[in-house]
C-alpha cells in the first residue's frame, strides 16, 4: 500500500525531517481516521489535489518549527493542508468547518497559507487562527 488512503501517501504523513510515521499510530488506527478525514475533504473540494504541508512531527522537529508543545502533529493526528488552487484559505476553512462533525475533525486552525485539521480525542471542536509556522513542504 502506497499510503493510508488512495490520495494520501506514507511520505506525506511522515515527519518533514524524514522520520517515518510511527508504527504504533498505524497499529492503533489513528492514521486511517486521519486519512479518511483527508479523503472526505478532498471529495468535498471536487477531487482536486490538496497539498500536505505537515503531518506527523517528532518532538524535536515540532520544537524546531515552533509547534505547540502538546501539538496533535506529535500524536500523529494532524495535517496542515494547502487549499486546492480554486479555493482561498478562508473558503477552504469554511468548507471544512461546515462539515467537521461528519469528518471526525475536532481541531481546526486557519493560518495565512494553510488550514490545520486534527482528529484529537474529544467531542468538542477546538478552533483558532494564527500566522502560521516556519515549516512548509515544497
C-alpha atoms as a PDB file:
ATOM      1  CA  UNK A   1       0.000   0.000   0.000  1.00  0.00           C
ATOM      2  CA  UNK A   2       1.411   3.391  -1.029  1.00  0.00           C
ATOM      3  CA  UNK A   3      -0.313   5.190   1.815  1.00  0.00           C
ATOM      4  CA  UNK A   4      -3.030   5.092   4.407  1.00  0.00           C
ATOM      5  CA  UNK A   5      -5.586   6.075   1.724  1.00  0.00           C
ATOM      6  CA  UNK A   6      -5.941   6.493  -2.025  1.00  0.00           C
ATOM      7  CA  UNK A   7      -4.718  10.118  -2.169  1.00  0.00           C
ATOM      8  CA  UNK A   8      -2.517  10.288   0.946  1.00  0.00           C
ATOM      9  CA  UNK A   9       0.932   8.694   0.833  1.00  0.00           C
ATOM     10  CA  UNK A  10       3.146   7.412   3.649  1.00  0.00           C
ATOM     11  CA  UNK A  11       5.681  10.055   2.621  1.00  0.00           C
ATOM     12  CA  UNK A  12       3.082  12.809   3.103  1.00  0.00           C
ATOM     13  CA  UNK A  13       2.232  11.665   6.652  1.00  0.00           C
ATOM     14  CA  UNK A  14       5.901  11.218   7.632  1.00  0.00           C
ATOM     15  CA  UNK A  15       7.786  13.927   9.500  1.00  0.00           C
ATOM     16  CA  UNK A  16       9.439  16.537   7.290  1.00  0.00           C
ATOM     17  CA  UNK A  17      12.785  15.572   8.895  1.00  0.00           C
ATOM     18  CA  UNK A  18      12.488  12.168   7.192  1.00  0.00           C
ATOM     19  CA  UNK A  19      11.238  10.175  10.205  1.00  0.00           C
ATOM     20  CA  UNK A  20       8.543   7.716   9.094  1.00  0.00           C
ATOM     21  CA  UNK A  21       5.036   7.865  10.527  1.00  0.00           C
ATOM     22  CA  UNK A  22       5.203   5.810  13.751  1.00  0.00           C
ATOM     23  CA  UNK A  23       4.122   2.167  13.602  1.00  0.00           C
ATOM     24  CA  UNK A  24       2.244   2.492  16.914  1.00  0.00           C
ATOM     25  CA  UNK A  25      -0.029   5.131  15.359  1.00  0.00           C
ATOM     26  CA  UNK A  26      -0.649   2.875  12.366  1.00  0.00           C
ATOM     27  CA  UNK A  27      -1.444  -0.076  14.649  1.00  0.00           C
ATOM     28  CA  UNK A  28      -3.932   1.913  16.757  1.00  0.00           C
ATOM     29  CA  UNK A  29      -5.716   3.083  13.590  1.00  0.00           C
ATOM     30  CA  UNK A  30      -5.399   6.843  14.009  1.00  0.00           C
ATOM     31  CA  UNK A  31      -3.630   7.297  10.678  1.00  0.00           C
ATOM     32  CA  UNK A  32      -6.594   5.724   8.907  1.00  0.00           C
ATOM     33  CA  UNK A  33      -9.074   8.033  10.680  1.00  0.00           C
ATOM     34  CA  UNK A  34      -6.911  10.994   9.680  1.00  0.00           C
ATOM     35  CA  UNK A  35      -6.658   9.711   6.100  1.00  0.00           C
ATOM     36  CA  UNK A  36     -10.425   9.244   5.964  1.00  0.00           C
ATOM     37  CA  UNK A  37     -10.937  12.876   7.004  1.00  0.00           C
ATOM     38  CA  UNK A  38      -8.430  13.926   4.315  1.00  0.00           C
ATOM     39  CA  UNK A  39     -10.251  11.923   1.631  1.00  0.00           C
ATOM     40  CA  UNK A  40     -13.623  13.399   2.630  1.00  0.00           C
ATOM     41  CA  UNK A  41     -12.175  16.922   2.456  1.00  0.00           C
ATOM     42  CA  UNK A  42     -10.676  16.170  -0.956  1.00  0.00           C
ATOM     43  CA  UNK A  43     -14.014  14.841  -2.243  1.00  0.00           C
ATOM     44  CA  UNK A  44     -15.817  17.915  -0.858  1.00  0.00           C
ATOM     45  CA  UNK A  45     -13.377  20.072  -2.847  1.00  0.00           C
ATOM     46  CA  UNK A  46     -14.306  18.343  -6.100  1.00  0.00           C
ATOM     47  CA  UNK A  47     -11.496  15.785  -6.009  1.00  0.00           C
ATOM     48  CA  UNK A  48      -8.819  18.403  -6.622  1.00  0.00           C
ATOM     49  CA  UNK A  49      -5.342  17.663  -5.198  1.00  0.00           C
ATOM     50  CA  UNK A  50      -4.640  19.020  -1.724  1.00  0.00           C
ATOM     51  CA  UNK A  51      -1.027  19.512  -0.675  1.00  0.00           C
ATOM     52  CA  UNK A  52       0.005  18.281   2.776  1.00  0.00           C
ATOM     53  CA  UNK A  53       2.464  20.763   4.275  1.00  0.00           C
ATOM     54  CA  UNK A  54       2.956  18.992   7.595  1.00  0.00           C
ATOM     55  CA  UNK A  55       1.654  15.810   9.219  1.00  0.00           C
ATOM     56  CA  UNK A  56       3.441  13.741  11.880  1.00  0.00           C
ATOM     57  CA  UNK A  57       6.246  15.569  13.705  1.00  0.00           C
ATOM     58  CA  UNK A  58       8.857  14.242  16.061  1.00  0.00           C
ATOM     59  CA  UNK A  59       9.056  16.270  19.296  1.00  0.00           C
ATOM     60  CA  UNK A  60      12.417  17.663  18.110  1.00  0.00           C
ATOM     61  CA  UNK A  61      11.055  18.734  14.721  1.00  0.00           C
ATOM     62  CA  UNK A  62       7.943  20.189  16.354  1.00  0.00           C
ATOM     63  CA  UNK A  63      10.106  22.405  18.579  1.00  0.00           C
ATOM     64  CA  UNK A  64      12.272  23.383  15.603  1.00  0.00           C
ATOM     65  CA  UNK A  65       9.264  24.636  13.613  1.00  0.00           C
ATOM     66  CA  UNK A  66       7.682  26.408  16.578  1.00  0.00           C
ATOM     67  CA  UNK A  67       4.783  23.981  17.057  1.00  0.00           C
ATOM     68  CA  UNK A  68       2.654  23.970  20.193  1.00  0.00           C
ATOM     69  CA  UNK A  69       4.225  21.858  22.970  1.00  0.00           C
ATOM     70  CA  UNK A  70       1.234  19.471  23.018  1.00  0.00           C
ATOM     71  CA  UNK A  71       0.713  19.575  19.243  1.00  0.00           C
ATOM     72  CA  UNK A  72      -1.549  16.973  17.695  1.00  0.00           C
ATOM     73  CA  UNK A  73       1.128  16.625  14.991  1.00  0.00           C
ATOM     74  CA  UNK A  74       3.367  14.880  17.566  1.00  0.00           C
ATOM     75  CA  UNK A  75       0.476  12.493  18.265  1.00  0.00           C
ATOM     76  CA  UNK A  76       0.089  11.705  14.546  1.00  0.00           C
ATOM     77  CA  UNK A  77      -3.424  13.160  14.494  1.00  0.00           C
ATOM     78  CA  UNK A  78      -2.960  16.369  12.453  1.00  0.00           C
ATOM     79  CA  UNK A  79      -2.477  17.651   8.925  1.00  0.00           C
ATOM     80  CA  UNK A  80      -1.651  21.143   7.690  1.00  0.00           C
ATOM     81  CA  UNK A  81      -3.287  21.457   4.283  1.00  0.00           C
ATOM     82  CA  UNK A  82      -2.804  23.941   1.475  1.00  0.00           C
ATOM     83  CA  UNK A  83      -6.143  24.601  -0.218  1.00  0.00           C
ATOM     84  CA  UNK A  84      -6.715  23.391  -3.771  1.00  0.00           C
ATOM     85  CA  UNK A  85      -5.986  26.072  -6.349  1.00  0.00           C
ATOM     86  CA  UNK A  86      -9.652  27.019  -6.860  1.00  0.00           C
ATOM     87  CA  UNK A  87     -10.236  27.930  -3.179  1.00  0.00           C
ATOM     88  CA  UNK A  88      -8.886  30.627  -0.884  1.00  0.00           C
ATOM     89  CA  UNK A  89      -7.712  29.640   2.594  1.00  0.00           C
ATOM     90  CA  UNK A  90     -10.892  31.155   4.051  1.00  0.00           C
ATOM     91  CA  UNK A  91     -13.155  29.287   1.612  1.00  0.00           C
ATOM     92  CA  UNK A  92     -11.288  26.037   2.306  1.00  0.00           C
ATOM     93  CA  UNK A  93     -11.521  26.548   6.068  1.00  0.00           C
ATOM     94  CA  UNK A  94     -15.226  27.433   5.917  1.00  0.00           C
ATOM     95  CA  UNK A  95     -15.995  24.362   3.791  1.00  0.00           C
ATOM     96  CA  UNK A  96     -14.206  22.036   6.228  1.00  0.00           C
ATOM     97  CA  UNK A  97     -15.681  23.825   9.258  1.00  0.00           C
ATOM     98  CA  UNK A  98     -19.224  23.357   7.946  1.00  0.00           C
ATOM     99  CA  UNK A  99     -18.598  19.591   7.683  1.00  0.00           C
ATOM    100  CA  UNK A 100     -16.136  18.930  10.520  1.00  0.00           C
ATOM    101  CA  UNK A 101     -18.519  16.761  12.561  1.00  0.00           C
ATOM    102  CA  UNK A 102     -19.128  14.418   9.618  1.00  0.00           C
ATOM    103  CA  UNK A 103     -15.363  14.100   9.076  1.00  0.00           C
ATOM    104  CA  UNK A 104     -14.423  13.437  12.718  1.00  0.00           C
ATOM    105  CA  UNK A 105     -12.390  16.650  12.870  1.00  0.00           C
ATOM    106  CA  UNK A 106     -12.104  18.100  16.375  1.00  0.00           C
ATOM    107  CA  UNK A 107      -9.327  20.659  15.848  1.00  0.00           C
ATOM    108  CA  UNK A 108      -9.103  23.359  13.173  1.00  0.00           C
ATOM    109  CA  UNK A 109      -6.748  26.262  12.719  1.00  0.00           C
ATOM    110  CA  UNK A 110      -6.816  28.865   9.960  1.00  0.00           C
ATOM    111  CA  UNK A 111      -3.475  30.371   9.014  1.00  0.00           C
ATOM    112  CA  UNK A 112      -2.376  32.729   6.259  1.00  0.00           C
ATOM    113  CA  UNK A 113      -1.499  29.996   3.732  1.00  0.00           C
ATOM    114  CA  UNK A 114      -2.974  26.757   5.105  1.00  0.00           C
ATOM    115  CA  UNK A 115      -5.598  25.074   7.262  1.00  0.00           C
ATOM    116  CA  UNK A 116      -4.744  22.785  10.178  1.00  0.00           C
ATOM    117  CA  UNK A 117      -7.082  19.863  10.855  1.00  0.00           C
ATOM    118  CA  UNK A 118      -6.830  17.229  13.556  1.00  0.00           C
ATOM    119  CA  UNK A 119      -8.714  14.293  14.979  1.00  0.00           C
ATOM    120  CA  UNK A 120      -7.917  14.886  18.675  1.00  0.00           C
ATOM    121  CA  UNK A 121      -9.835  12.635  21.076  1.00  0.00           C
ATOM    122  CA  UNK A 122     -12.629  14.965  22.162  1.00  0.00           C
ATOM    123  CA  UNK A 123     -16.192  15.639  21.127  1.00  0.00           C
ATOM    124  CA  UNK A 124     -15.906  19.424  21.020  1.00  0.00           C
ATOM    125  CA  UNK A 125     -14.342  21.442  18.215  1.00  0.00           C
ATOM    126  CA  UNK A 126     -11.244  23.429  19.159  1.00  0.00           C
ATOM    127  CA  UNK A 127     -10.721  26.219  16.603  1.00  0.00           C
ATOM    128  CA  UNK A 128      -8.188  29.041  16.298  1.00  0.00           C
ATOM    129  CA  UNK A 129      -6.361  31.228  13.817  1.00  0.00           C
ATOM    130  CA  UNK A 130      -2.730  32.225  13.615  1.00  0.00           C
ATOM    131  CA  UNK A 131       0.088  33.463  11.428  1.00  0.00           C
ATOM    132  CA  UNK A 132       1.488  30.055  10.506  1.00  0.00           C
ATOM    133  CA  UNK A 133       4.607  28.099  11.213  1.00  0.00           C
ATOM    134  CA  UNK A 134       8.029  28.422   9.629  1.00  0.00           C
ATOM    135  CA  UNK A 135       7.652  24.978   8.114  1.00  0.00           C
ATOM    136  CA  UNK A 136       6.496  24.136   4.641  1.00  0.00           C
ATOM    137  CA  UNK A 137       6.951  21.258   2.245  1.00  0.00           C
ATOM    138  CA  UNK A 138       7.982  22.028  -1.338  1.00  0.00           C
END
